[in-house]
């Protein structure tokens, strides 16, 4: 690999931006494709699929064999609310290799005893997010507190950062009031429509653990589907 390409891949990795290294297996020529530029590439469809799956491999194009080395940021899940659903969700999400962080300013809930082995920030979302790597297209945010003072700032930050998944707990009536607040905060209808609310896949979940399963399944589905959404 050329040194300049290696340096560029390292820069993109540090910035949590996805790239694919395209190598011609016959002559060894290489080129680097950033996810933001992939739509106009001759291999656009294959590149899009590889960015979604995160898997490297060989493809055939125009009679040539090309090896695609996929480099995508590790996906992460930021959970707003140290609630019972979060207690079930965190270990399941970690088992699927999601990097999980719990945020909740309510110190009675956000305790290490309730969330062993999970990074926990007992801060208001604005303060907590300032201590974490910036939200990005490889981050999922699940707002689970039912408290607008806690959930809304995180939802606004997630939507503006184009996180690949943004979900919020609450009934349709609750979400209707949420939409009014977020609209008043300056978010467009298209951005707000990206919120999965009520959160989770509709599997008839009742218990906190079942709701956690539905949320995690929805997060994974969003991660593996096309994340290209033009900002509104």
C-alpha atoms as a PDB file:
ATOM      1  CA  UNK A   1       0.000   0.000   0.000  1.00  0.00           C
ATOM      2  CA  UNK A   2       1.262   3.456  -0.895  1.00  0.00           C
ATOM      3  CA  UNK A   3       2.277   5.547   2.094  1.00  0.00           C
ATOM      4  CA  UNK A   4       0.036   8.450   1.083  1.00  0.00           C
ATOM      5  CA  UNK A   5      -3.005   6.144   0.932  1.00  0.00           C
ATOM      6  CA  UNK A   6      -2.166   4.649   4.321  1.00  0.00           C
ATOM      7  CA  UNK A   7      -1.880   8.106   5.830  1.00  0.00           C
ATOM      8  CA  UNK A   8      -5.201   9.136   4.335  1.00  0.00           C
ATOM      9  CA  UNK A   9      -6.910   5.992   5.656  1.00  0.00           C
ATOM     10  CA  UNK A  10      -5.533   6.711   9.112  1.00  0.00           C
ATOM     11  CA  UNK A  11      -6.821  10.292   8.940  1.00  0.00           C
ATOM     12  CA  UNK A  12     -10.271   9.096   7.919  1.00  0.00           C
ATOM     13  CA  UNK A  13     -10.300   6.480  10.674  1.00  0.00           C
ATOM     14  CA  UNK A  14      -9.414   9.100  13.291  1.00  0.00           C
ATOM     15  CA  UNK A  15     -12.230  11.322  11.999  1.00  0.00           C
ATOM     16  CA  UNK A  16     -14.744   8.405  12.068  1.00  0.00           C
ATOM     17  CA  UNK A  17     -15.335   8.619   8.317  1.00  0.00           C
ATOM     18  CA  UNK A  18     -15.834   5.475   6.236  1.00  0.00           C
ATOM     19  CA  UNK A  19     -13.626   4.642   3.238  1.00  0.00           C
ATOM     20  CA  UNK A  20     -13.045   1.726   0.894  1.00  0.00           C
ATOM     21  CA  UNK A  21      -9.666   0.906  -0.629  1.00  0.00           C
ATOM     22  CA  UNK A  22     -10.133  -0.481  -4.157  1.00  0.00           C
ATOM     23  CA  UNK A  23      -7.225  -2.704  -5.253  1.00  0.00           C
ATOM     24  CA  UNK A  24      -6.879  -4.200  -8.727  1.00  0.00           C
ATOM     25  CA  UNK A  25      -5.713  -7.753  -8.035  1.00  0.00           C
ATOM     26  CA  UNK A  26      -4.008  -7.995 -11.443  1.00  0.00           C
ATOM     27  CA  UNK A  27      -1.690  -5.007 -11.338  1.00  0.00           C
ATOM     28  CA  UNK A  28      -1.960  -3.824  -7.726  1.00  0.00           C
ATOM     29  CA  UNK A  29      -3.179  -0.323  -8.542  1.00  0.00           C
ATOM     30  CA  UNK A  30      -5.160   1.239  -5.720  1.00  0.00           C
ATOM     31  CA  UNK A  31      -7.542   4.097  -5.093  1.00  0.00           C
ATOM     32  CA  UNK A  32      -9.407   5.278  -2.017  1.00  0.00           C
ATOM     33  CA  UNK A  33     -13.144   6.045  -2.072  1.00  0.00           C
ATOM     34  CA  UNK A  34     -14.775   8.048   0.720  1.00  0.00           C
ATOM     35  CA  UNK A  35     -18.369   7.242   1.589  1.00  0.00           C
ATOM     36  CA  UNK A  36     -19.380  10.824   0.820  1.00  0.00           C
ATOM     37  CA  UNK A  37     -18.027  10.422  -2.734  1.00  0.00           C
ATOM     38  CA  UNK A  38     -19.221   6.893  -3.447  1.00  0.00           C
ATOM     39  CA  UNK A  39     -22.493   7.792  -5.155  1.00  0.00           C
ATOM     40  CA  UNK A  40     -20.680   9.099  -8.231  1.00  0.00           C
ATOM     41  CA  UNK A  41     -18.237   6.195  -8.434  1.00  0.00           C
ATOM     42  CA  UNK A  42     -18.465   3.555 -11.215  1.00  0.00           C
ATOM     43  CA  UNK A  43     -18.783   0.944  -8.443  1.00  0.00           C
ATOM     44  CA  UNK A  44     -21.467   2.946  -6.600  1.00  0.00           C
ATOM     45  CA  UNK A  45     -23.931   0.108  -6.008  1.00  0.00           C
ATOM     46  CA  UNK A  46     -21.304  -2.336  -4.774  1.00  0.00           C
ATOM     47  CA  UNK A  47     -19.629   0.319  -2.625  1.00  0.00           C
ATOM     48  CA  UNK A  48     -22.952   1.238  -1.020  1.00  0.00           C
ATOM     49  CA  UNK A  49     -23.591  -2.389  -0.129  1.00  0.00           C
ATOM     50  CA  UNK A  50     -20.105  -2.750   1.334  1.00  0.00           C
ATOM     51  CA  UNK A  51     -20.440   0.416   3.417  1.00  0.00           C
ATOM     52  CA  UNK A  52     -23.691  -0.992   4.825  1.00  0.00           C
ATOM     53  CA  UNK A  53     -22.297  -4.428   5.610  1.00  0.00           C
ATOM     54  CA  UNK A  54     -18.803  -3.348   6.643  1.00  0.00           C
ATOM     55  CA  UNK A  55     -17.409  -6.466   4.937  1.00  0.00           C
ATOM     56  CA  UNK A  56     -14.388  -6.548   2.639  1.00  0.00           C
ATOM     57  CA  UNK A  57     -14.208  -8.826  -0.396  1.00  0.00           C
ATOM     58  CA  UNK A  58     -13.609  -9.352  -4.112  1.00  0.00           C
ATOM     59  CA  UNK A  59     -15.890  -8.010  -6.846  1.00  0.00           C
ATOM     60  CA  UNK A  60     -15.742  -8.329 -10.616  1.00  0.00           C
ATOM     61  CA  UNK A  61     -16.101  -5.159 -12.680  1.00  0.00           C
ATOM     62  CA  UNK A  62     -15.458  -4.656 -16.402  1.00  0.00           C
ATOM     63  CA  UNK A  63     -13.573  -7.923 -16.584  1.00  0.00           C
ATOM     64  CA  UNK A  64     -11.274  -7.037 -13.701  1.00  0.00           C
ATOM     65  CA  UNK A  65     -11.042  -8.521 -10.234  1.00  0.00           C
ATOM     66  CA  UNK A  66     -11.040  -5.883  -7.511  1.00  0.00           C
ATOM     67  CA  UNK A  67     -10.523  -6.325  -3.802  1.00  0.00           C
ATOM     68  CA  UNK A  68     -12.508  -3.891  -1.661  1.00  0.00           C
ATOM     69  CA  UNK A  69     -10.972  -3.223   1.743  1.00  0.00           C
ATOM     70  CA  UNK A  70     -13.746  -1.682   3.837  1.00  0.00           C
ATOM     71  CA  UNK A  71     -12.924   0.636   6.727  1.00  0.00           C
ATOM     72  CA  UNK A  72     -15.948   1.875   8.653  1.00  0.00           C
ATOM     73  CA  UNK A  73     -16.095   3.453  12.126  1.00  0.00           C
ATOM     74  CA  UNK A  74     -17.158   1.165  14.965  1.00  0.00           C
ATOM     75  CA  UNK A  75     -20.911   1.756  15.410  1.00  0.00           C
ATOM     76  CA  UNK A  76     -22.016   3.073  18.770  1.00  0.00           C
ATOM     77  CA  UNK A  77     -25.227   3.490  20.722  1.00  0.00           C
ATOM     78  CA  UNK A  78     -25.851   6.434  23.020  1.00  0.00           C
ATOM     79  CA  UNK A  79     -28.761   5.746  25.359  1.00  0.00           C
ATOM     80  CA  UNK A  80     -30.454   8.670  27.065  1.00  0.00           C
ATOM     81  CA  UNK A  81     -31.958   7.433  30.296  1.00  0.00           C
ATOM     82  CA  UNK A  82     -30.681   4.995  32.911  1.00  0.00           C
ATOM     83  CA  UNK A  83     -34.022   3.179  33.018  1.00  0.00           C
ATOM     84  CA  UNK A  84     -35.085  -0.477  33.158  1.00  0.00           C
ATOM     85  CA  UNK A  85     -35.134  -0.725  29.363  1.00  0.00           C
ATOM     86  CA  UNK A  86     -31.571   0.565  29.275  1.00  0.00           C
ATOM     87  CA  UNK A  87     -30.469  -2.067  31.804  1.00  0.00           C
ATOM     88  CA  UNK A  88     -31.638  -4.783  29.435  1.00  0.00           C
ATOM     89  CA  UNK A  89     -30.560  -2.993  26.256  1.00  0.00           C
ATOM     90  CA  UNK A  90     -26.953  -2.187  27.191  1.00  0.00           C
ATOM     91  CA  UNK A  91     -25.571  -5.757  27.536  1.00  0.00           C
ATOM     92  CA  UNK A  92     -27.474  -6.972  24.477  1.00  0.00           C
ATOM     93  CA  UNK A  93     -26.127  -4.081  22.401  1.00  0.00           C
ATOM     94  CA  UNK A  94     -22.589  -4.738  23.629  1.00  0.00           C
ATOM     95  CA  UNK A  95     -22.981  -8.384  22.583  1.00  0.00           C
ATOM     96  CA  UNK A  96     -23.579  -7.168  19.010  1.00  0.00           C
ATOM     97  CA  UNK A  97     -20.361  -5.108  19.150  1.00  0.00           C
ATOM     98  CA  UNK A  98     -22.066  -1.763  19.599  1.00  0.00           C
ATOM     99  CA  UNK A  99     -20.094   0.681  21.742  1.00  0.00           C
ATOM    100  CA  UNK A 100     -22.673   1.685  24.384  1.00  0.00           C
ATOM    101  CA  UNK A 101     -22.827   4.797  26.569  1.00  0.00           C
ATOM    102  CA  UNK A 102     -25.608   5.666  29.028  1.00  0.00           C
ATOM    103  CA  UNK A 103     -26.439   9.312  29.800  1.00  0.00           C
ATOM    104  CA  UNK A 104     -28.767  10.429  32.586  1.00  0.00           C
ATOM    105  CA  UNK A 105     -28.405  13.408  34.949  1.00  0.00           C
ATOM    106  CA  UNK A 106     -30.587  11.690  37.562  1.00  0.00           C
ATOM    107  CA  UNK A 107     -27.978  10.276  39.904  1.00  0.00           C
ATOM    108  CA  UNK A 108     -30.505   8.030  41.629  1.00  0.00           C
ATOM    109  CA  UNK A 109     -30.794   6.075  38.360  1.00  0.00           C
ATOM    110  CA  UNK A 110     -27.342   6.515  36.827  1.00  0.00           C
ATOM    111  CA  UNK A 111     -25.335   4.320  39.175  1.00  0.00           C
ATOM    112  CA  UNK A 112     -22.541   1.841  38.435  1.00  0.00           C
ATOM    113  CA  UNK A 113     -24.433  -0.803  40.427  1.00  0.00           C
ATOM    114  CA  UNK A 114     -27.306  -0.674  37.946  1.00  0.00           C
ATOM    115  CA  UNK A 115     -24.995  -0.493  34.899  1.00  0.00           C
ATOM    116  CA  UNK A 116     -21.866  -2.561  35.535  1.00  0.00           C
ATOM    117  CA  UNK A 117     -19.309  -2.545  32.712  1.00  0.00           C
ATOM    118  CA  UNK A 118     -21.154   0.208  30.808  1.00  0.00           C
ATOM    119  CA  UNK A 119     -19.771   3.754  30.415  1.00  0.00           C
ATOM    120  CA  UNK A 120     -22.149   5.973  32.363  1.00  0.00           C
ATOM    121  CA  UNK A 121     -22.340   9.771  32.422  1.00  0.00           C
ATOM    122  CA  UNK A 122     -24.528  11.268  35.158  1.00  0.00           C
ATOM    123  CA  UNK A 123     -24.779  14.593  33.324  1.00  0.00           C
ATOM    124  CA  UNK A 124     -27.307  16.552  31.295  1.00  0.00           C
ATOM    125  CA  UNK A 125     -27.101  15.528  27.626  1.00  0.00           C
ATOM    126  CA  UNK A 126     -25.443  18.721  26.393  1.00  0.00           C
ATOM    127  CA  UNK A 127     -22.672  18.371  28.962  1.00  0.00           C
ATOM    128  CA  UNK A 128     -22.333  14.617  28.476  1.00  0.00           C
ATOM    129  CA  UNK A 129     -22.169  14.795  24.678  1.00  0.00           C
ATOM    130  CA  UNK A 130     -19.446  17.420  24.944  1.00  0.00           C
ATOM    131  CA  UNK A 131     -17.299  14.818  26.704  1.00  0.00           C
ATOM    132  CA  UNK A 132     -17.856  12.141  24.059  1.00  0.00           C
ATOM    133  CA  UNK A 133     -16.625  11.903  20.467  1.00  0.00           C
ATOM    134  CA  UNK A 134     -18.985  13.952  18.268  1.00  0.00           C
ATOM    135  CA  UNK A 135     -22.203  12.274  17.193  1.00  0.00           C
ATOM    136  CA  UNK A 136     -22.009  11.096  13.588  1.00  0.00           C
ATOM    137  CA  UNK A 137     -23.550   8.877  10.902  1.00  0.00           C
ATOM    138  CA  UNK A 138     -22.298   5.756  12.682  1.00  0.00           C
ATOM    139  CA  UNK A 139     -23.977   6.632  15.974  1.00  0.00           C
ATOM    140  CA  UNK A 140     -27.441   5.588  17.163  1.00  0.00           C
ATOM    141  CA  UNK A 141     -29.268   7.575  19.827  1.00  0.00           C
ATOM    142  CA  UNK A 142     -32.161   6.152  21.859  1.00  0.00           C
ATOM    143  CA  UNK A 143     -34.017   8.572  24.136  1.00  0.00           C
ATOM    144  CA  UNK A 144     -35.802   6.643  26.875  1.00  0.00           C
ATOM    145  CA  UNK A 145     -36.477   8.979  29.821  1.00  0.00           C
ATOM    146  CA  UNK A 146     -39.949  10.315  28.913  1.00  0.00           C
ATOM    147  CA  UNK A 147     -38.647  13.666  30.219  1.00  0.00           C
ATOM    148  CA  UNK A 148     -38.459  16.383  27.514  1.00  0.00           C
ATOM    149  CA  UNK A 149     -35.822  18.296  29.472  1.00  0.00           C
ATOM    150  CA  UNK A 150     -33.506  15.305  29.116  1.00  0.00           C
ATOM    151  CA  UNK A 151     -34.609  13.692  25.853  1.00  0.00           C
ATOM    152  CA  UNK A 152     -35.121  16.748  23.630  1.00  0.00           C
ATOM    153  CA  UNK A 153     -31.548  18.145  23.709  1.00  0.00           C
ATOM    154  CA  UNK A 154     -30.173  14.716  22.801  1.00  0.00           C
ATOM    155  CA  UNK A 155     -32.695  14.256  19.985  1.00  0.00           C
ATOM    156  CA  UNK A 156     -31.881  17.672  18.548  1.00  0.00           C
ATOM    157  CA  UNK A 157     -28.146  16.941  18.633  1.00  0.00           C
ATOM    158  CA  UNK A 158     -28.648  13.492  17.070  1.00  0.00           C
ATOM    159  CA  UNK A 159     -30.812  14.777  14.224  1.00  0.00           C
ATOM    160  CA  UNK A 160     -28.438  17.624  13.424  1.00  0.00           C
ATOM    161  CA  UNK A 161     -25.511  15.183  13.396  1.00  0.00           C
ATOM    162  CA  UNK A 162     -27.386  12.851  10.985  1.00  0.00           C
ATOM    163  CA  UNK A 163     -27.040   9.857  13.301  1.00  0.00           C
ATOM    164  CA  UNK A 164     -28.028   6.686  11.471  1.00  0.00           C
ATOM    165  CA  UNK A 165     -30.719   5.948  14.047  1.00  0.00           C
ATOM    166  CA  UNK A 166     -32.707   8.240  16.331  1.00  0.00           C
ATOM    167  CA  UNK A 167     -35.466   6.738  18.467  1.00  0.00           C
ATOM    168  CA  UNK A 168     -37.630   8.051  21.289  1.00  0.00           C
ATOM    169  CA  UNK A 169     -39.861   6.344  23.830  1.00  0.00           C
ATOM    170  CA  UNK A 170     -43.461   7.473  24.132  1.00  0.00           C
ATOM    171  CA  UNK A 171     -46.937   7.150  22.699  1.00  0.00           C
ATOM    172  CA  UNK A 172     -48.051   8.776  19.466  1.00  0.00           C
ATOM    173  CA  UNK A 173     -49.722  11.512  21.517  1.00  0.00           C
ATOM    174  CA  UNK A 174     -46.490  12.090  23.419  1.00  0.00           C
ATOM    175  CA  UNK A 175     -44.583  12.186  20.155  1.00  0.00           C
ATOM    176  CA  UNK A 176     -47.028  14.717  18.733  1.00  0.00           C
ATOM    177  CA  UNK A 177     -46.129  17.107  21.533  1.00  0.00           C
ATOM    178  CA  UNK A 178     -42.462  16.290  20.956  1.00  0.00           C
ATOM    179  CA  UNK A 179     -42.796  17.230  17.279  1.00  0.00           C
ATOM    180  CA  UNK A 180     -44.243  20.608  18.302  1.00  0.00           C
ATOM    181  CA  UNK A 181     -41.296  21.279  20.609  1.00  0.00           C
ATOM    182  CA  UNK A 182     -38.673  20.235  18.078  1.00  0.00           C
ATOM    183  CA  UNK A 183     -40.343  22.325  15.377  1.00  0.00           C
ATOM    184  CA  UNK A 184     -40.247  25.315  17.708  1.00  0.00           C
ATOM    185  CA  UNK A 185     -36.539  24.571  18.238  1.00  0.00           C
ATOM    186  CA  UNK A 186     -35.966  25.064  14.501  1.00  0.00           C
ATOM    187  CA  UNK A 187     -35.830  21.508  13.163  1.00  0.00           C
ATOM    188  CA  UNK A 188     -37.433  20.824   9.802  1.00  0.00           C
ATOM    189  CA  UNK A 189     -40.313  18.424   9.298  1.00  0.00           C
ATOM    190  CA  UNK A 190     -38.030  16.099   7.306  1.00  0.00           C
ATOM    191  CA  UNK A 191     -35.472  15.892  10.103  1.00  0.00           C
ATOM    192  CA  UNK A 192     -38.075  15.278  12.788  1.00  0.00           C
ATOM    193  CA  UNK A 193     -39.661  12.547  10.654  1.00  0.00           C
ATOM    194  CA  UNK A 194     -36.470  10.516  11.046  1.00  0.00           C
ATOM    195  CA  UNK A 195     -37.273   9.832  14.698  1.00  0.00           C
ATOM    196  CA  UNK A 196     -38.458   6.281  15.312  1.00  0.00           C
ATOM    197  CA  UNK A 197     -41.410   6.908  17.615  1.00  0.00           C
ATOM    198  CA  UNK A 198     -42.843   4.966  19.285  1.00  0.00           C
ATOM    199  CA  UNK A 199     -39.374   3.461  19.555  1.00  0.00           C
ATOM    200  CA  UNK A 200     -38.605  -0.116  18.522  1.00  0.00           C
ATOM    201  CA  UNK A 201     -40.012  -2.597  16.042  1.00  0.00           C
ATOM    202  CA  UNK A 202     -43.686  -3.414  16.485  1.00  0.00           C
ATOM    203  CA  UNK A 203     -43.373  -6.908  17.968  1.00  0.00           C
ATOM    204  CA  UNK A 204     -45.968  -6.486  20.706  1.00  0.00           C
ATOM    205  CA  UNK A 205     -43.260  -5.920  23.343  1.00  0.00           C
ATOM    206  CA  UNK A 206     -44.525  -5.430  26.901  1.00  0.00           C
ATOM    207  CA  UNK A 207     -41.693  -5.884  29.411  1.00  0.00           C
ATOM    208  CA  UNK A 208     -38.580  -3.679  29.554  1.00  0.00           C
ATOM    209  CA  UNK A 209     -36.497  -6.576  28.217  1.00  0.00           C
ATOM    210  CA  UNK A 210     -38.856  -7.143  25.290  1.00  0.00           C
ATOM    211  CA  UNK A 211     -38.856  -3.425  24.483  1.00  0.00           C
ATOM    212  CA  UNK A 212     -35.048  -3.510  24.587  1.00  0.00           C
ATOM    213  CA  UNK A 213     -35.067  -6.364  22.057  1.00  0.00           C
ATOM    214  CA  UNK A 214     -37.346  -4.353  19.754  1.00  0.00           C
ATOM    215  CA  UNK A 215     -35.117  -1.283  20.031  1.00  0.00           C
ATOM    216  CA  UNK A 216     -31.904  -3.185  19.352  1.00  0.00           C
ATOM    217  CA  UNK A 217     -33.457  -4.912  16.341  1.00  0.00           C
ATOM    218  CA  UNK A 218     -34.525  -1.549  14.945  1.00  0.00           C
ATOM    219  CA  UNK A 219     -31.048  -0.107  15.502  1.00  0.00           C
ATOM    220  CA  UNK A 220     -29.406  -3.032  13.695  1.00  0.00           C
ATOM    221  CA  UNK A 221     -31.868  -2.790  10.817  1.00  0.00           C
ATOM    222  CA  UNK A 222     -31.097   0.900  10.430  1.00  0.00           C
ATOM    223  CA  UNK A 223     -27.354   0.258  10.574  1.00  0.00           C
ATOM    224  CA  UNK A 224     -27.493  -2.302   7.786  1.00  0.00           C
ATOM    225  CA  UNK A 225     -29.853  -0.333   5.563  1.00  0.00           C
ATOM    226  CA  UNK A 226     -28.911   2.605   3.358  1.00  0.00           C
ATOM    227  CA  UNK A 227     -27.830   5.443   5.636  1.00  0.00           C
ATOM    228  CA  UNK A 228     -27.589   8.052   2.891  1.00  0.00           C
ATOM    229  CA  UNK A 229     -30.102  10.725   3.813  1.00  0.00           C
ATOM    230  CA  UNK A 230     -29.738  14.230   2.511  1.00  0.00           C
ATOM    231  CA  UNK A 231     -29.875  16.791   5.341  1.00  0.00           C
ATOM    232  CA  UNK A 232     -33.120  18.751   5.331  1.00  0.00           C
END
